[in-house]
Amino acid sequence: MKLKAFTEYMPALTKETQFETLCEKQGIQVFLFSADWCPDCVFLKTFMEELVAEWKQIEFVYVNRDQFPSLCERLAVLGIPSFIAYRDGKECARLVSTLRKSRAEVEAFLGGLA
């Protein structure tokens, strides 16, 4: 089974200024920091499409860590895959580490945002 790229079911960040604009929106935005070469990030592809479809109240955005190193440094995203959530313009949660994330861990993170 070929796994879909994250960008096939969630928009990708294209400019660093876009990050600021998205963070200021009302509602919940979850940024997934990842890279194509990262095996733990590839593992997320086995279930992320289903979670994105299930959590329709959340706006998911893919951030390629290699395209935005200064943003990752500013946000202290030193390991991938990582998630940072914003609610109504303020950071409200993060799941940031170098460890592989299981489906249960990601679901628990998302459930804490509701």
N, C-alpha and C. Protein backbone atom coordinates (compact mmCIF):
# COMPACT_ATOMS: atom_id res chain seq x y z
N MET A 1 0.84 -1.19 0.00
CA MET A 1 0.00 0.00 0.00
C MET A 1 0.88 1.25 0.00
N LYS A 2 0.65 2.12 -0.96
CA LYS A 2 1.40 3.37 -1.03
C LYS A 2 0.72 4.39 -0.13
N LEU A 3 1.51 5.02 0.73
CA LEU A 3 0.97 6.02 1.65
C LEU A 3 0.92 7.38 0.95
N LYS A 4 -0.16 8.10 1.19
CA LYS A 4 -0.31 9.43 0.59
C LYS A 4 0.61 10.43 1.29
N ALA A 5 1.04 11.42 0.53
CA ALA A 5 1.79 12.54 1.12
C ALA A 5 0.83 13.34 2.00
N PHE A 6 1.36 13.93 3.06
CA PHE A 6 0.52 14.75 3.95
C PHE A 6 -0.22 15.82 3.16
N THR A 7 0.45 16.38 2.16
CA THR A 7 -0.12 17.49 1.40
C THR A 7 -1.27 17.07 0.50
N GLU A 8 -1.55 15.78 0.42
CA GLU A 8 -2.71 15.32 -0.34
C GLU A 8 -4.00 15.47 0.45
N TYR A 9 -3.90 15.67 1.76
CA TYR A 9 -5.12 15.82 2.57
C TYR A 9 -5.05 16.94 3.60
N MET A 10 -3.97 17.71 3.57
CA MET A 10 -3.91 18.93 4.40
C MET A 10 -3.04 19.94 3.65
N PRO A 11 -3.36 21.23 3.79
CA PRO A 11 -2.54 22.22 3.10
C PRO A 11 -1.14 22.31 3.71
N ALA A 12 -0.20 22.74 2.89
CA ALA A 12 1.17 22.91 3.35
C ALA A 12 1.48 24.39 3.51
N LEU A 13 2.28 24.70 4.51
CA LEU A 13 2.78 26.05 4.68
C LEU A 13 3.69 26.37 3.51
N THR A 14 3.50 27.54 2.90
CA THR A 14 4.31 27.91 1.75
C THR A 14 5.24 29.09 2.03
N LYS A 15 4.87 29.92 3.02
CA LYS A 15 5.69 31.07 3.41
C LYS A 15 5.65 31.19 4.93
N GLU A 16 6.73 31.67 5.51
CA GLU A 16 6.76 31.81 6.98
C GLU A 16 5.72 32.82 7.45
N THR A 17 5.47 33.86 6.67
CA THR A 17 4.46 34.85 7.07
C THR A 17 3.07 34.24 7.11
N GLN A 18 2.84 33.21 6.32
CA GLN A 18 1.56 32.51 6.32
C GLN A 18 1.31 31.86 7.68
N PHE A 19 2.37 31.41 8.34
CA PHE A 19 2.24 30.80 9.67
C PHE A 19 1.60 31.79 10.64
N GLU A 20 2.11 33.03 10.65
CA GLU A 20 1.57 34.05 11.56
C GLU A 20 0.10 34.30 11.28
N THR A 21 -0.25 34.40 10.02
CA THR A 21 -1.65 34.65 9.63
C THR A 21 -2.55 33.51 10.09
N LEU A 22 -2.11 32.28 9.88
CA LEU A 22 -2.90 31.12 10.29
C LEU A 22 -3.06 31.05 11.81
N CYS A 23 -2.01 31.37 12.53
CA CYS A 23 -2.06 31.30 14.00
C CYS A 23 -3.05 32.29 14.59
N GLU A 24 -3.27 33.39 13.90
CA GLU A 24 -4.14 34.45 14.42
C GLU A 24 -5.62 34.19 14.15
N LYS A 25 -5.92 33.16 13.37
CA LYS A 25 -7.31 32.86 13.03
C LYS A 25 -8.09 32.37 14.25
N GLN A 26 -9.39 32.52 14.18
CA GLN A 26 -10.27 31.93 15.18
C GLN A 26 -10.34 30.43 14.96
N GLY A 27 -10.67 29.70 16.00
CA GLY A 27 -10.76 28.26 15.88
C GLY A 27 -9.44 27.61 16.26
N ILE A 28 -9.29 26.34 15.85
CA ILE A 28 -8.12 25.55 16.23
C ILE A 28 -7.32 25.21 14.97
N GLN A 29 -6.04 25.50 15.01
CA GLN A 29 -5.12 25.12 13.96
C GLN A 29 -4.06 24.21 14.57
N VAL A 30 -3.78 23.11 13.90
CA VAL A 30 -2.72 22.20 14.34
C VAL A 30 -1.69 22.12 13.23
N PHE A 31 -0.45 22.46 13.58
CA PHE A 31 0.65 22.42 12.64
C PHE A 31 1.45 21.14 12.87
N LEU A 32 1.61 20.37 11.80
CA LEU A 32 2.40 19.14 11.83
C LEU A 32 3.76 19.45 11.22
N PHE A 33 4.80 19.39 12.03
CA PHE A 33 6.17 19.61 11.58
C PHE A 33 6.77 18.26 11.25
N SER A 34 7.27 18.13 10.03
CA SER A 34 7.71 16.83 9.54
C SER A 34 8.75 17.02 8.44
N ALA A 35 9.24 15.91 7.91
CA ALA A 35 10.15 15.93 6.76
C ALA A 35 10.04 14.60 6.03
N ASP A 36 10.28 14.64 4.74
CA ASP A 36 10.13 13.44 3.92
C ASP A 36 11.11 12.33 4.30
N TRP A 37 12.29 12.67 4.78
CA TRP A 37 13.34 11.69 5.08
C TRP A 37 13.18 11.04 6.45
N CYS A 38 12.26 11.52 7.26
CA CYS A 38 12.11 11.08 8.65
C CYS A 38 11.24 9.82 8.74
N PRO A 39 11.79 8.68 9.18
CA PRO A 39 10.99 7.44 9.25
C PRO A 39 9.83 7.53 10.24
N ASP A 40 10.00 8.24 11.35
CA ASP A 40 8.90 8.38 12.31
C ASP A 40 7.78 9.26 11.75
N CYS A 41 8.13 10.19 10.86
CA CYS A 41 7.13 11.01 10.19
C CYS A 41 6.35 10.17 9.17
N VAL A 42 7.06 9.32 8.46
CA VAL A 42 6.42 8.43 7.49
C VAL A 42 5.41 7.53 8.22
N PHE A 43 5.74 7.08 9.41
CA PHE A 43 4.83 6.25 10.20
C PHE A 43 3.49 6.96 10.42
N LEU A 44 3.52 8.28 10.64
CA LEU A 44 2.28 9.04 10.84
C LEU A 44 1.33 8.91 9.64
N LYS A 45 1.91 8.73 8.47
CA LYS A 45 1.08 8.64 7.26
C LYS A 45 0.16 7.43 7.28
N THR A 46 0.43 6.45 8.15
CA THR A 46 -0.43 5.27 8.22
C THR A 46 -1.79 5.58 8.84
N PHE A 47 -1.91 6.72 9.53
CA PHE A 47 -3.20 7.04 10.18
C PHE A 47 -3.61 8.51 10.12
N MET A 48 -2.73 9.42 9.74
CA MET A 48 -3.07 10.85 9.80
C MET A 48 -4.23 11.24 8.90
N GLU A 49 -4.32 10.66 7.71
CA GLU A 49 -5.43 11.02 6.82
C GLU A 49 -6.77 10.75 7.50
N GLU A 50 -6.88 9.63 8.20
CA GLU A 50 -8.12 9.31 8.92
C GLU A 50 -8.39 10.30 10.03
N LEU A 51 -7.35 10.71 10.76
CA LEU A 51 -7.55 11.67 11.85
C LEU A 51 -7.95 13.04 11.33
N VAL A 52 -7.35 13.46 10.22
CA VAL A 52 -7.72 14.74 9.63
C VAL A 52 -9.19 14.72 9.22
N ALA A 53 -9.64 13.61 8.64
CA ALA A 53 -11.05 13.48 8.24
C ALA A 53 -11.97 13.44 9.45
N GLU A 54 -11.53 12.82 10.51
CA GLU A 54 -12.35 12.67 11.72
C GLU A 54 -12.47 13.99 12.50
N TRP A 55 -11.40 14.75 12.58
CA TRP A 55 -11.36 15.99 13.37
C TRP A 55 -11.60 17.19 12.47
N LYS A 56 -12.80 17.28 11.92
CA LYS A 56 -13.14 18.34 10.96
C LYS A 56 -13.13 19.74 11.58
N GLN A 57 -13.27 19.83 12.89
CA GLN A 57 -13.30 21.13 13.55
C GLN A 57 -11.90 21.72 13.69
N ILE A 58 -10.88 20.96 13.32
CA ILE A 58 -9.49 21.41 13.42
C ILE A 58 -8.95 21.64 12.02
N GLU A 59 -8.24 22.77 11.86
CA GLU A 59 -7.55 23.04 10.60
C GLU A 59 -6.12 22.53 10.73
N PHE A 60 -5.76 21.53 9.95
CA PHE A 60 -4.41 20.96 9.98
C PHE A 60 -3.57 21.62 8.89
N VAL A 61 -2.30 21.87 9.23
CA VAL A 61 -1.36 22.46 8.27
C VAL A 61 -0.04 21.71 8.37
N TYR A 62 0.47 21.28 7.22
CA TYR A 62 1.75 20.58 7.16
C TYR A 62 2.87 21.61 7.04
N VAL A 63 3.92 21.43 7.86
CA VAL A 63 5.10 22.29 7.79
C VAL A 63 6.31 21.40 7.54
N ASN A 64 6.93 21.59 6.39
CA ASN A 64 8.15 20.84 6.07
C ASN A 64 9.30 21.48 6.84
N ARG A 65 9.82 20.75 7.80
CA ARG A 65 10.86 21.25 8.69
C ARG A 65 12.09 21.75 7.93
N ASP A 66 12.40 21.11 6.81
CA ASP A 66 13.58 21.50 6.04
C ASP A 66 13.39 22.81 5.28
N GLN A 67 12.14 23.17 4.99
CA GLN A 67 11.86 24.42 4.29
C GLN A 67 11.78 25.61 5.24
N PHE A 68 11.54 25.35 6.54
CA PHE A 68 11.35 26.44 7.50
C PHE A 68 12.20 26.24 8.75
N PRO A 69 13.53 26.13 8.61
CA PRO A 69 14.37 25.89 9.79
C PRO A 69 14.33 27.03 10.81
N SER A 70 14.24 28.27 10.35
CA SER A 70 14.21 29.39 11.31
C SER A 70 12.91 29.40 12.10
N LEU A 71 11.80 29.04 11.47
CA LEU A 71 10.52 28.94 12.18
C LEU A 71 10.60 27.84 13.23
N CYS A 72 11.16 26.70 12.85
CA CYS A 72 11.29 25.59 13.79
C CYS A 72 12.19 25.98 14.97
N GLU A 73 13.24 26.68 14.68
CA GLU A 73 14.14 27.13 15.76
C GLU A 73 13.41 28.10 16.69
N ARG A 74 12.69 29.05 16.11
CA ARG A 74 11.95 30.04 16.91
C ARG A 74 10.90 29.37 17.79
N LEU A 75 10.28 28.30 17.29
CA LEU A 75 9.23 27.59 18.04
C LEU A 75 9.78 26.45 18.89
N ALA A 76 11.10 26.27 18.87
CA ALA A 76 11.76 25.20 19.63
C ALA A 76 11.28 23.82 19.20
N VAL A 77 11.09 23.65 17.90
CA VAL A 77 10.76 22.34 17.33
C VAL A 77 12.10 21.73 16.91
N LEU A 78 12.68 20.99 17.83
CA LEU A 78 14.00 20.43 17.59
C LEU A 78 13.92 18.98 17.12
N GLY A 79 12.78 18.36 17.30
CA GLY A 79 12.59 16.99 16.86
C GLY A 79 11.32 16.87 16.05
N ILE A 80 11.30 15.90 15.16
CA ILE A 80 10.12 15.67 14.35
C ILE A 80 9.80 14.17 14.39
N PRO A 81 8.55 13.82 14.20
CA PRO A 81 7.40 14.67 13.95
C PRO A 81 6.95 15.37 15.23
N SER A 82 6.43 16.57 15.06
CA SER A 82 5.92 17.34 16.19
C SER A 82 4.65 18.08 15.78
N PHE A 83 3.83 18.36 16.78
CA PHE A 83 2.57 19.06 16.57
C PHE A 83 2.52 20.27 17.49
N ILE A 84 2.07 21.40 16.97
CA ILE A 84 1.79 22.58 17.79
C ILE A 84 0.39 23.06 17.44
N ALA A 85 -0.42 23.30 18.47
CA ALA A 85 -1.81 23.72 18.27
C ALA A 85 -2.01 25.15 18.75
N TYR A 86 -2.84 25.86 18.01
CA TYR A 86 -3.23 27.22 18.35
C TYR A 86 -4.75 27.27 18.42
N ARG A 87 -5.24 28.02 19.39
CA ARG A 87 -6.68 28.24 19.52
C ARG A 87 -6.91 29.74 19.63
N ASP A 88 -7.69 30.26 18.70
CA ASP A 88 -8.05 31.68 18.71
C ASP A 88 -6.83 32.59 18.87
N GLY A 89 -5.76 32.26 18.16
CA GLY A 89 -4.59 33.13 18.12
C GLY A 89 -3.52 32.88 19.16
N LYS A 90 -3.72 31.90 20.03
CA LYS A 90 -2.73 31.62 21.08
C LYS A 90 -2.34 30.15 21.06
N GLU A 91 -1.05 29.89 21.27
CA GLU A 91 -0.63 28.50 21.37
C GLU A 91 -1.31 27.87 22.57
N CYS A 92 -1.89 26.69 22.38
CA CYS A 92 -2.63 26.04 23.46
C CYS A 92 -2.10 24.65 23.81
N ALA A 93 -1.32 24.05 22.93
CA ALA A 93 -0.80 22.71 23.22
C ALA A 93 0.31 22.38 22.25
N ARG A 94 1.19 21.46 22.69
CA ARG A 94 2.24 20.97 21.80
C ARG A 94 2.58 19.54 22.15
N LEU A 95 2.93 18.83 21.12
CA LEU A 95 3.41 17.45 21.23
C LEU A 95 4.71 17.46 20.43
N VAL A 96 5.78 17.88 21.11
CA VAL A 96 7.06 18.14 20.46
C VAL A 96 8.13 17.25 21.08
N SER A 97 8.70 16.38 20.26
CA SER A 97 9.79 15.53 20.70
C SER A 97 10.37 14.82 19.48
N THR A 98 11.43 14.10 19.70
CA THR A 98 12.03 13.32 18.61
C THR A 98 11.48 11.90 18.55
N LEU A 99 10.55 11.58 19.43
CA LEU A 99 10.04 10.22 19.52
C LEU A 99 8.90 9.97 18.53
N ARG A 100 8.78 8.72 18.10
CA ARG A 100 7.68 8.32 17.24
C ARG A 100 6.37 8.53 18.00
N LYS A 101 5.36 9.03 17.31
CA LYS A 101 4.05 9.23 17.92
C LYS A 101 3.11 8.12 17.44
N SER A 102 2.44 7.49 18.39
CA SER A 102 1.46 6.47 18.03
C SER A 102 0.12 7.15 17.71
N ARG A 103 -0.76 6.40 17.09
CA ARG A 103 -2.09 6.92 16.81
C ARG A 103 -2.77 7.34 18.12
N ALA A 104 -2.65 6.52 19.15
CA ALA A 104 -3.28 6.82 20.44
C ALA A 104 -2.73 8.13 21.02
N GLU A 105 -1.44 8.36 20.91
CA GLU A 105 -0.85 9.61 21.42
C GLU A 105 -1.38 10.82 20.65
N VAL A 106 -1.46 10.71 19.35
CA VAL A 106 -1.95 11.83 18.54
C VAL A 106 -3.44 12.07 18.83
N GLU A 107 -4.21 10.99 18.95
CA GLU A 107 -5.64 11.14 19.28
C GLU A 107 -5.83 11.79 20.65
N ALA A 108 -5.02 11.40 21.62
CA ALA A 108 -5.10 12.01 22.96
C ALA A 108 -4.76 13.50 22.89
N PHE A 109 -3.75 13.84 22.10
CA PHE A 109 -3.37 15.24 21.91
C PHE A 109 -4.53 16.02 21.31
N LEU A 110 -5.12 15.49 20.24
CA LEU A 110 -6.23 16.17 19.58
C LEU A 110 -7.45 16.25 20.51
N GLY A 111 -7.71 15.19 21.26
CA GLY A 111 -8.83 15.18 22.19
C GLY A 111 -8.68 16.23 23.27
N GLY A 112 -7.46 16.54 23.65
CA GLY A 112 -7.22 17.58 24.64
C GLY A 112 -7.50 18.98 24.13
N LEU A 113 -7.64 19.12 22.82
CA LEU A 113 -7.91 20.43 22.23
C LEU A 113 -9.40 20.74 22.18
N ALA A 114 -10.22 19.70 22.23
CA ALA A 114 -11.69 19.88 22.07
C ALA A 114 -12.32 20.55 23.26
